[in-house]
């Protein structure tokens, strides 16, 4: 079952969105990542409140990213996959 990031205990670190620390990490990484990850970073930075309600499938579709890109990016941010 796919749960939104904000409700999935495996992705509890995305609650960092609420205090901004995740967004700061993304801003710091976006210029040093591959193009696909940069597109994902821009989508997240442009839609921070909306992203926390999306499933992985919805995030992949909305950001034109693959699951692999999302996984790599999350790992680069220092969160568990």
PDB file of N, CA and C in Angstrom:
ATOM      1  N   UNK A   1       0.830  -1.167   0.000  1.00  0.00           N
ATOM      2  CA  UNK A   1       0.000   0.000   0.000  1.00  0.00           C
ATOM      3  C   UNK A   1       0.882   1.241   0.000  1.00  0.00           C
ATOM      4  N   UNK A   2       0.560   2.177  -0.867  1.00  0.00           N
ATOM      5  CA  UNK A   2       1.313   3.425  -0.925  1.00  0.00           C
ATOM      6  C   UNK A   2       0.633   4.465  -0.050  1.00  0.00           C
ATOM      7  N   UNK A   3       1.402   5.078   0.807  1.00  0.00           N
ATOM      8  CA  UNK A   3       0.887   6.120   1.688  1.00  0.00           C
ATOM      9  C   UNK A   3       1.556   7.441   1.353  1.00  0.00           C
ATOM     10  N   UNK A   4       0.866   8.544   1.577  1.00  0.00           N
ATOM     11  CA  UNK A   4       1.521   9.843   1.369  1.00  0.00           C
ATOM     12  C   UNK A   4       2.750   9.971   2.257  1.00  0.00           C
ATOM     13  N   UNK A   5       3.740  10.736   1.799  1.00  0.00           N
ATOM     14  CA  UNK A   5       4.971  10.917   2.559  1.00  0.00           C
ATOM     15  C   UNK A   5       4.695  11.305   3.999  1.00  0.00           C
ATOM     16  N   UNK A   6       3.762  12.197   4.218  1.00  0.00           N
ATOM     17  CA  UNK A   6       3.490  12.681   5.565  1.00  0.00           C
ATOM     18  C   UNK A   6       2.924  11.640   6.495  1.00  0.00           C
ATOM     19  N   UNK A   7       2.368  10.543   5.967  1.00  0.00           N
ATOM     20  CA  UNK A   7       1.745   9.525   6.800  1.00  0.00           C
ATOM     21  C   UNK A   7       2.521   8.218   6.820  1.00  0.00           C
ATOM     22  N   UNK A   8       3.439   8.037   5.943  1.00  0.00           N
ATOM     23  CA  UNK A   8       4.188   6.791   5.841  1.00  0.00           C
ATOM     24  C   UNK A   8       5.317   6.804   6.863  1.00  0.00           C
ATOM     25  N   UNK A   9       5.311   5.890   7.834  1.00  0.00           N
ATOM     26  CA  UNK A   9       6.357   5.910   8.865  1.00  0.00           C
ATOM     27  C   UNK A   9       7.750   5.711   8.294  1.00  0.00           C
ATOM     28  N   UNK A  10       7.879   5.051   7.140  1.00  0.00           N
ATOM     29  CA  UNK A  10       9.192   4.872   6.528  1.00  0.00           C
ATOM     30  C   UNK A  10       9.724   6.189   5.982  1.00  0.00           C
ATOM     31  N   UNK A  11       8.855   7.144   5.757  1.00  0.00           N
ATOM     32  CA  UNK A  11       9.271   8.426   5.201  1.00  0.00           C
ATOM     33  C   UNK A  11       9.037   9.553   6.207  1.00  0.00           C
ATOM     34  N   UNK A  12       9.067   9.229   7.472  1.00  0.00           N
ATOM     35  CA  UNK A  12       8.774  10.233   8.503  1.00  0.00           C
ATOM     36  C   UNK A  12       9.717  11.419   8.464  1.00  0.00           C
ATOM     37  N   UNK A  13      10.894  11.230   7.896  1.00  0.00           N
ATOM     38  CA  UNK A  13      11.859  12.326   7.834  1.00  0.00           C
ATOM     39  C   UNK A  13      11.395  13.438   6.914  1.00  0.00           C
ATOM     40  N   UNK A  14      10.430  13.148   6.038  1.00  0.00           N
ATOM     41  CA  UNK A  14       9.913  14.209   5.190  1.00  0.00           C
ATOM     42  C   UNK A  14       9.085  15.199   5.988  1.00  0.00           C
ATOM     43  N   UNK A  15       8.814  14.894   7.262  1.00  0.00           N
ATOM     44  CA  UNK A  15       8.187  15.884   8.120  1.00  0.00           C
ATOM     45  C   UNK A  15       9.135  17.049   8.358  1.00  0.00           C
ATOM     46  N   UNK A  16      10.407  16.875   7.998  1.00  0.00           N
ATOM     47  CA  UNK A  16      11.362  17.982   8.058  1.00  0.00           C
ATOM     48  C   UNK A  16      10.907  19.125   7.165  1.00  0.00           C
ATOM     49  N   UNK A  17      10.012  18.831   6.235  1.00  0.00           N
ATOM     50  CA  UNK A  17       9.484  19.879   5.363  1.00  0.00           C
ATOM     51  C   UNK A  17       8.811  20.963   6.202  1.00  0.00           C
ATOM     52  N   UNK A  18       8.157  20.541   7.277  1.00  0.00           N
ATOM     53  CA  UNK A  18       7.424  21.488   8.098  1.00  0.00           C
ATOM     54  C   UNK A  18       8.345  22.506   8.762  1.00  0.00           C
ATOM     55  N   UNK A  19       9.523  22.111   9.145  1.00  0.00           N
ATOM     56  CA  UNK A  19      10.418  23.069   9.788  1.00  0.00           C
ATOM     57  C   UNK A  19      11.454  23.641   8.825  1.00  0.00           C
ATOM     58  N   UNK A  20      11.413  23.218   7.576  1.00  0.00           N
ATOM     59  CA  UNK A  20      12.265  23.807   6.557  1.00  0.00           C
ATOM     60  C   UNK A  20      13.638  23.191   6.390  1.00  0.00           C
ATOM     61  N   UNK A  21      14.046  22.295   7.290  1.00  0.00           N
ATOM     62  CA  UNK A  21      15.404  21.750   7.178  1.00  0.00           C
ATOM     63  C   UNK A  21      15.574  20.909   5.918  1.00  0.00           C
ATOM     64  N   UNK A  22      14.551  20.196   5.519  1.00  0.00           N
ATOM     65  CA  UNK A  22      14.628  19.408   4.289  1.00  0.00           C
ATOM     66  C   UNK A  22      14.773  20.328   3.076  1.00  0.00           C
ATOM     67  N   UNK A  23      14.032  21.414   3.066  1.00  0.00           N
ATOM     68  CA  UNK A  23      14.110  22.359   1.955  1.00  0.00           C
ATOM     69  C   UNK A  23      15.491  22.994   1.865  1.00  0.00           C
ATOM     70  N   UNK A  24      16.092  23.261   3.008  1.00  0.00           N
ATOM     71  CA  UNK A  24      17.453  23.810   3.010  1.00  0.00           C
ATOM     72  C   UNK A  24      18.448  22.804   2.447  1.00  0.00           C
ATOM     73  N   UNK A  25      18.273  21.535   2.792  1.00  0.00           N
ATOM     74  CA  UNK A  25      19.142  20.489   2.241  1.00  0.00           C
ATOM     75  C   UNK A  25      18.991  20.405   0.726  1.00  0.00           C
ATOM     76  N   UNK A  26      17.741  20.475   0.269  1.00  0.00           N
ATOM     77  CA  UNK A  26      17.483  20.399  -1.173  1.00  0.00           C
ATOM     78  C   UNK A  26      18.106  21.585  -1.891  1.00  0.00           C
ATOM     79  N   UNK A  27      17.954  22.775  -1.346  1.00  0.00           N
ATOM     80  CA  UNK A  27      18.558  23.965  -1.953  1.00  0.00           C
ATOM     81  C   UNK A  27      20.075  23.817  -2.038  1.00  0.00           C
ATOM     82  N   UNK A  28      20.670  23.231  -1.012  1.00  0.00           N
ATOM     83  CA  UNK A  28      22.110  23.067  -0.996  1.00  0.00           C
ATOM     84  C   UNK A  28      22.618  22.040  -1.998  1.00  0.00           C
ATOM     85  N   UNK A  29      21.784  21.062  -2.324  1.00  0.00           N
ATOM     86  CA  UNK A  29      22.193  19.994  -3.231  1.00  0.00           C
ATOM     87  C   UNK A  29      21.842  20.238  -4.692  1.00  0.00           C
ATOM     88  N   UNK A  30      20.858  21.052  -4.954  1.00  0.00           N
ATOM     89  CA  UNK A  30      20.287  21.091  -6.305  1.00  0.00           C
ATOM     90  C   UNK A  30      21.274  21.464  -7.406  1.00  0.00           C
ATOM     91  N   UNK A  31      22.304  22.198  -7.102  1.00  0.00           N
ATOM     92  CA  UNK A  31      23.267  22.569  -8.139  1.00  0.00           C
ATOM     93  C   UNK A  31      24.365  21.528  -8.341  1.00  0.00           C
ATOM     94  N   UNK A  32      24.392  20.510  -7.494  1.00  0.00           N
ATOM     95  CA  UNK A  32      25.458  19.512  -7.606  1.00  0.00           C
ATOM     96  C   UNK A  32      24.941  18.121  -7.984  1.00  0.00           C
ATOM     97  N   UNK A  33      23.686  18.035  -8.391  1.00  0.00           N
ATOM     98  CA  UNK A  33      23.108  16.736  -8.734  1.00  0.00           C
ATOM     99  C   UNK A  33      22.841  16.642 -10.235  1.00  0.00           C
ATOM    100  N   UNK A  34      22.545  15.439 -10.689  1.00  0.00           N
ATOM    101  CA  UNK A  34      22.253  15.210 -12.098  1.00  0.00           C
ATOM    102  C   UNK A  34      20.967  15.915 -12.504  1.00  0.00           C
ATOM    103  N   UNK A  35      20.761  16.061 -13.809  1.00  0.00           N
ATOM    104  CA  UNK A  35      19.619  16.804 -14.333  1.00  0.00           C
ATOM    105  C   UNK A  35      18.278  16.251 -13.823  1.00  0.00           C
ATOM    106  N   UNK A  36      18.119  14.939 -13.810  1.00  0.00           N
ATOM    107  CA  UNK A  36      16.853  14.354 -13.350  1.00  0.00           C
ATOM    108  C   UNK A  36      16.607  14.680 -11.879  1.00  0.00           C
ATOM    109  N   UNK A  37      17.660  14.641 -11.073  1.00  0.00           N
ATOM    110  CA  UNK A  37      17.527  14.975  -9.656  1.00  0.00           C
ATOM    111  C   UNK A  37      17.284  16.469  -9.475  1.00  0.00           C
ATOM    112  N   UNK A  38      17.872  17.275 -10.329  1.00  0.00           N
ATOM    113  CA  UNK A  38      17.649  18.723 -10.271  1.00  0.00           C
ATOM    114  C   UNK A  38      16.178  19.042 -10.580  1.00  0.00           C
ATOM    115  N   UNK A  39      15.606  18.339 -11.560  1.00  0.00           N
ATOM    116  CA  UNK A  39      14.196  18.540 -11.903  1.00  0.00           C
ATOM    117  C   UNK A  39      13.315  18.174 -10.700  1.00  0.00           C
ATOM    118  N   UNK A  40      13.646  17.072 -10.036  1.00  0.00           N
ATOM    119  CA  UNK A  40      12.917  16.668  -8.834  1.00  0.00           C
ATOM    120  C   UNK A  40      13.064  17.712  -7.735  1.00  0.00           C
ATOM    121  N   UNK A  41      14.276  18.192  -7.524  1.00  0.00           N
ATOM    122  CA  UNK A  41      14.521  19.219  -6.495  1.00  0.00           C
ATOM    123  C   UNK A  41      13.702  20.468  -6.767  1.00  0.00           C
ATOM    124  N   UNK A  42      13.687  20.911  -7.997  1.00  0.00           N
ATOM    125  CA  UNK A  42      12.916  22.108  -8.352  1.00  0.00           C
ATOM    126  C   UNK A  42      11.430  21.890  -8.112  1.00  0.00           C
ATOM    127  N   UNK A  43      10.937  20.706  -8.449  1.00  0.00           N
ATOM    128  CA  UNK A  43       9.521  20.417  -8.220  1.00  0.00           C
ATOM    129  C   UNK A  43       9.196  20.478  -6.727  1.00  0.00           C
ATOM    130  N   UNK A  44      10.041  19.865  -5.917  1.00  0.00           N
ATOM    131  CA  UNK A  44       9.811  19.866  -4.468  1.00  0.00           C
ATOM    132  C   UNK A  44       9.881  21.280  -3.909  1.00  0.00           C
ATOM    133  N   UNK A  45      10.869  22.053  -4.339  1.00  0.00           N
ATOM    134  CA  UNK A  45      11.006  23.427  -3.833  1.00  0.00           C
ATOM    135  C   UNK A  45       9.847  24.312  -4.278  1.00  0.00           C
ATOM    136  N   UNK A  46       9.303  24.037  -5.436  1.00  0.00           N
ATOM    137  CA  UNK A  46       8.167  24.829  -5.933  1.00  0.00           C
ATOM    138  C   UNK A  46       6.841  24.416  -5.302  1.00  0.00           C
ATOM    139  N   UNK A  47       6.771  23.203  -4.746  1.00  0.00           N
ATOM    140  CA  UNK A  47       5.511  22.660  -4.223  1.00  0.00           C
ATOM    141  C   UNK A  47       5.686  21.974  -2.866  1.00  0.00           C
ATOM    142  N   UNK A  48       6.308  22.620  -1.895  1.00  0.00           N
ATOM    143  CA  UNK A  48       6.649  21.911  -0.651  1.00  0.00           C
ATOM    144  C   UNK A  48       5.444  21.378   0.129  1.00  0.00           C
ATOM    145  N   UNK A  49       4.353  22.118   0.195  1.00  0.00           N
ATOM    146  CA  UNK A  49       3.193  21.646   0.950  1.00  0.00           C
ATOM    147  C   UNK A  49       2.512  20.495   0.225  1.00  0.00           C
ATOM    148  N   UNK A  50       2.444  20.582  -1.076  1.00  0.00           N
ATOM    149  CA  UNK A  50       1.777  19.552  -1.881  1.00  0.00           C
ATOM    150  C   UNK A  50       2.563  18.243  -1.872  1.00  0.00           C
ATOM    151  N   UNK A  51       3.870  18.316  -1.901  1.00  0.00           N
ATOM    152  CA  UNK A  51       4.721  17.126  -1.979  1.00  0.00           C
ATOM    153  C   UNK A  51       4.500  16.205  -0.787  1.00  0.00           C
ATOM    154  N   UNK A  52       4.246  16.746   0.364  1.00  0.00           N
ATOM    155  CA  UNK A  52       4.085  15.912   1.565  1.00  0.00           C
ATOM    156  C   UNK A  52       2.817  15.072   1.531  1.00  0.00           C
ATOM    157  N   UNK A  53       1.908  15.358   0.608  1.00  0.00           N
ATOM    158  CA  UNK A  53       0.668  14.589   0.517  1.00  0.00           C
ATOM    159  C   UNK A  53       0.706  13.564  -0.614  1.00  0.00           C
ATOM    160  N   UNK A  54       1.789  13.525  -1.370  1.00  0.00           N
ATOM    161  CA  UNK A  54       1.864  12.655  -2.541  1.00  0.00           C
ATOM    162  C   UNK A  54       2.413  11.274  -2.207  1.00  0.00           C
ATOM    163  N   UNK A  55       1.945  10.279  -2.945  1.00  0.00           N
ATOM    164  CA  UNK A  55       2.561   8.961  -2.893  1.00  0.00           C
ATOM    165  C   UNK A  55       3.805   9.010  -3.770  1.00  0.00           C
ATOM    166  N   UNK A  56       4.632   7.987  -3.695  1.00  0.00           N
ATOM    167  CA  UNK A  56       5.819   7.926  -4.563  1.00  0.00           C
ATOM    168  C   UNK A  56       5.398   7.966  -6.030  1.00  0.00           C
ATOM    169  N   UNK A  57       4.361   7.229  -6.358  1.00  0.00           N
ATOM    170  CA  UNK A  57       3.881   7.192  -7.742  1.00  0.00           C
ATOM    171  C   UNK A  57       3.448   8.580  -8.199  1.00  0.00           C
ATOM    172  N   UNK A  58       2.711   9.282  -7.366  1.00  0.00           N
ATOM    173  CA  UNK A  58       2.260  10.630  -7.712  1.00  0.00           C
ATOM    174  C   UNK A  58       3.427  11.600  -7.827  1.00  0.00           C
ATOM    175  N   UNK A  59       4.393  11.496  -6.921  1.00  0.00           N
ATOM    176  CA  UNK A  59       5.567  12.362  -6.990  1.00  0.00           C
ATOM    177  C   UNK A  59       6.349  12.096  -8.268  1.00  0.00           C
ATOM    178  N   UNK A  60       6.523  10.831  -8.601  1.00  0.00           N
ATOM    179  CA  UNK A  60       7.236  10.482  -9.832  1.00  0.00           C
ATOM    180  C   UNK A  60       6.526  11.063 -11.048  1.00  0.00           C
ATOM    181  N   UNK A  61       5.210  10.896 -11.114  1.00  0.00           N
ATOM    182  CA  UNK A  61       4.434  11.430 -12.239  1.00  0.00           C
ATOM    183  C   UNK A  61       4.472  12.959 -12.274  1.00  0.00           C
ATOM    184  N   UNK A  62       4.250  13.574 -11.137  1.00  0.00           N
ATOM    185  CA  UNK A  62       4.171  15.044 -11.077  1.00  0.00           C
ATOM    186  C   UNK A  62       5.497  15.723 -11.400  1.00  0.00           C
ATOM    187  N   UNK A  63       6.593  15.094 -11.010  1.00  0.00           N
ATOM    188  CA  UNK A  63       7.909  15.702 -11.202  1.00  0.00           C
ATOM    189  C   UNK A  63       8.629  15.161 -12.436  1.00  0.00           C
ATOM    190  N   UNK A  64       7.956  14.288 -13.183  1.00  0.00           N
ATOM    191  CA  UNK A  64       8.566  13.643 -14.358  1.00  0.00           C
ATOM    192  C   UNK A  64       9.867  12.945 -13.966  1.00  0.00           C
ATOM    193  N   UNK A  65       9.818  12.245 -12.827  1.00  0.00           N
ATOM    194  CA  UNK A  65      10.983  11.529 -12.296  1.00  0.00           C
ATOM    195  C   UNK A  65      10.673  10.049 -12.189  1.00  0.00           C
ATOM    196  N   UNK A  66      11.709   9.253 -12.077  1.00  0.00           N
ATOM    197  CA  UNK A  66      11.538   7.818 -11.864  1.00  0.00           C
ATOM    198  C   UNK A  66      11.670   7.513 -10.369  1.00  0.00           C
ATOM    199  N   UNK A  67      11.222   6.313  -9.991  1.00  0.00           N
ATOM    200  CA  UNK A  67      11.415   5.881  -8.606  1.00  0.00           C
ATOM    201  C   UNK A  67      12.895   5.889  -8.246  1.00  0.00           C
ATOM    202  N   UNK A  68      13.727   5.436  -9.177  1.00  0.00           N
ATOM    203  CA  UNK A  68      15.170   5.378  -8.921  1.00  0.00           C
ATOM    204  C   UNK A  68      15.738   6.769  -8.651  1.00  0.00           C
ATOM    205  N   UNK A  69      15.293   7.758  -9.420  1.00  0.00           N
ATOM    206  CA  UNK A  69      15.761   9.134  -9.218  1.00  0.00           C
ATOM    207  C   UNK A  69      15.344   9.628  -7.844  1.00  0.00           C
ATOM    208  N   UNK A  70      14.099   9.374  -7.464  1.00  0.00           N
ATOM    209  CA  UNK A  70      13.610   9.819  -6.157  1.00  0.00           C
ATOM    210  C   UNK A  70      14.413   9.139  -5.048  1.00  0.00           C
ATOM    211  N   UNK A  71      14.638   7.839  -5.179  1.00  0.00           N
ATOM    212  CA  UNK A  71      15.389   7.096  -4.175  1.00  0.00           C
ATOM    213  C   UNK A  71      16.812   7.641  -4.029  1.00  0.00           C
ATOM    214  N   UNK A  72      17.498   7.831  -5.154  1.00  0.00           N
ATOM    215  CA  UNK A  72      18.874   8.359  -5.101  1.00  0.00           C
ATOM    216  C   UNK A  72      18.898   9.736  -4.452  1.00  0.00           C
ATOM    217  N   UNK A  73      17.948  10.572  -4.806  1.00  0.00           N
ATOM    218  CA  UNK A  73      17.910  11.929  -4.285  1.00  0.00           C
ATOM    219  C   UNK A  73      17.668  11.922  -2.769  1.00  0.00           C
ATOM    220  N   UNK A  74      16.727  11.108  -2.321  1.00  0.00           N
ATOM    221  CA  UNK A  74      16.434  11.012  -0.895  1.00  0.00           C
ATOM    222  C   UNK A  74      17.674  10.542  -0.129  1.00  0.00           C
ATOM    223  N   UNK A  75      18.397   9.570  -0.690  1.00  0.00           N
ATOM    224  CA  UNK A  75      19.623   9.088  -0.056  1.00  0.00           C
ATOM    225  C   UNK A  75      20.684  10.193   0.010  1.00  0.00           C
ATOM    226  N   UNK A  76      20.794  10.984  -1.062  1.00  0.00           N
ATOM    227  CA  UNK A  76      21.765  12.089  -1.071  1.00  0.00           C
ATOM    228  C   UNK A  76      21.424  13.137  -0.021  1.00  0.00           C
ATOM    229  N   UNK A  77      20.136  13.257   0.296  1.00  0.00           N
ATOM    230  CA  UNK A  77      19.722  14.196   1.324  1.00  0.00           C
ATOM    231  C   UNK A  77      20.010  13.673   2.732  1.00  0.00           C
ATOM    232  N   UNK A  78      20.412  12.399   2.805  1.00  0.00           N
ATOM    233  CA  UNK A  78      20.757  11.818   4.100  1.00  0.00           C
ATOM    234  C   UNK A  78      19.633  11.079   4.781  1.00  0.00           C
ATOM    235  N   UNK A  79      18.553  10.815   4.050  1.00  0.00           N
ATOM    236  CA  UNK A  79      17.418  10.100   4.619  1.00  0.00           C
ATOM    237  C   UNK A  79      17.476   8.643   4.170  1.00  0.00           C
ATOM    238  N   UNK A  80      16.881   7.743   4.995  1.00  0.00           N
ATOM    239  CA  UNK A  80      16.826   6.345   4.563  1.00  0.00           C
ATOM    240  C   UNK A  80      15.893   6.222   3.367  1.00  0.00           C
ATOM    241  N   UNK A  81      16.171   5.288   2.500  1.00  0.00           N
ATOM    242  CA  UNK A  81      15.365   5.100   1.298  1.00  0.00           C
ATOM    243  C   UNK A  81      14.002   4.691   1.643  1.00  0.00           C
TER     244      UNK A  81
END
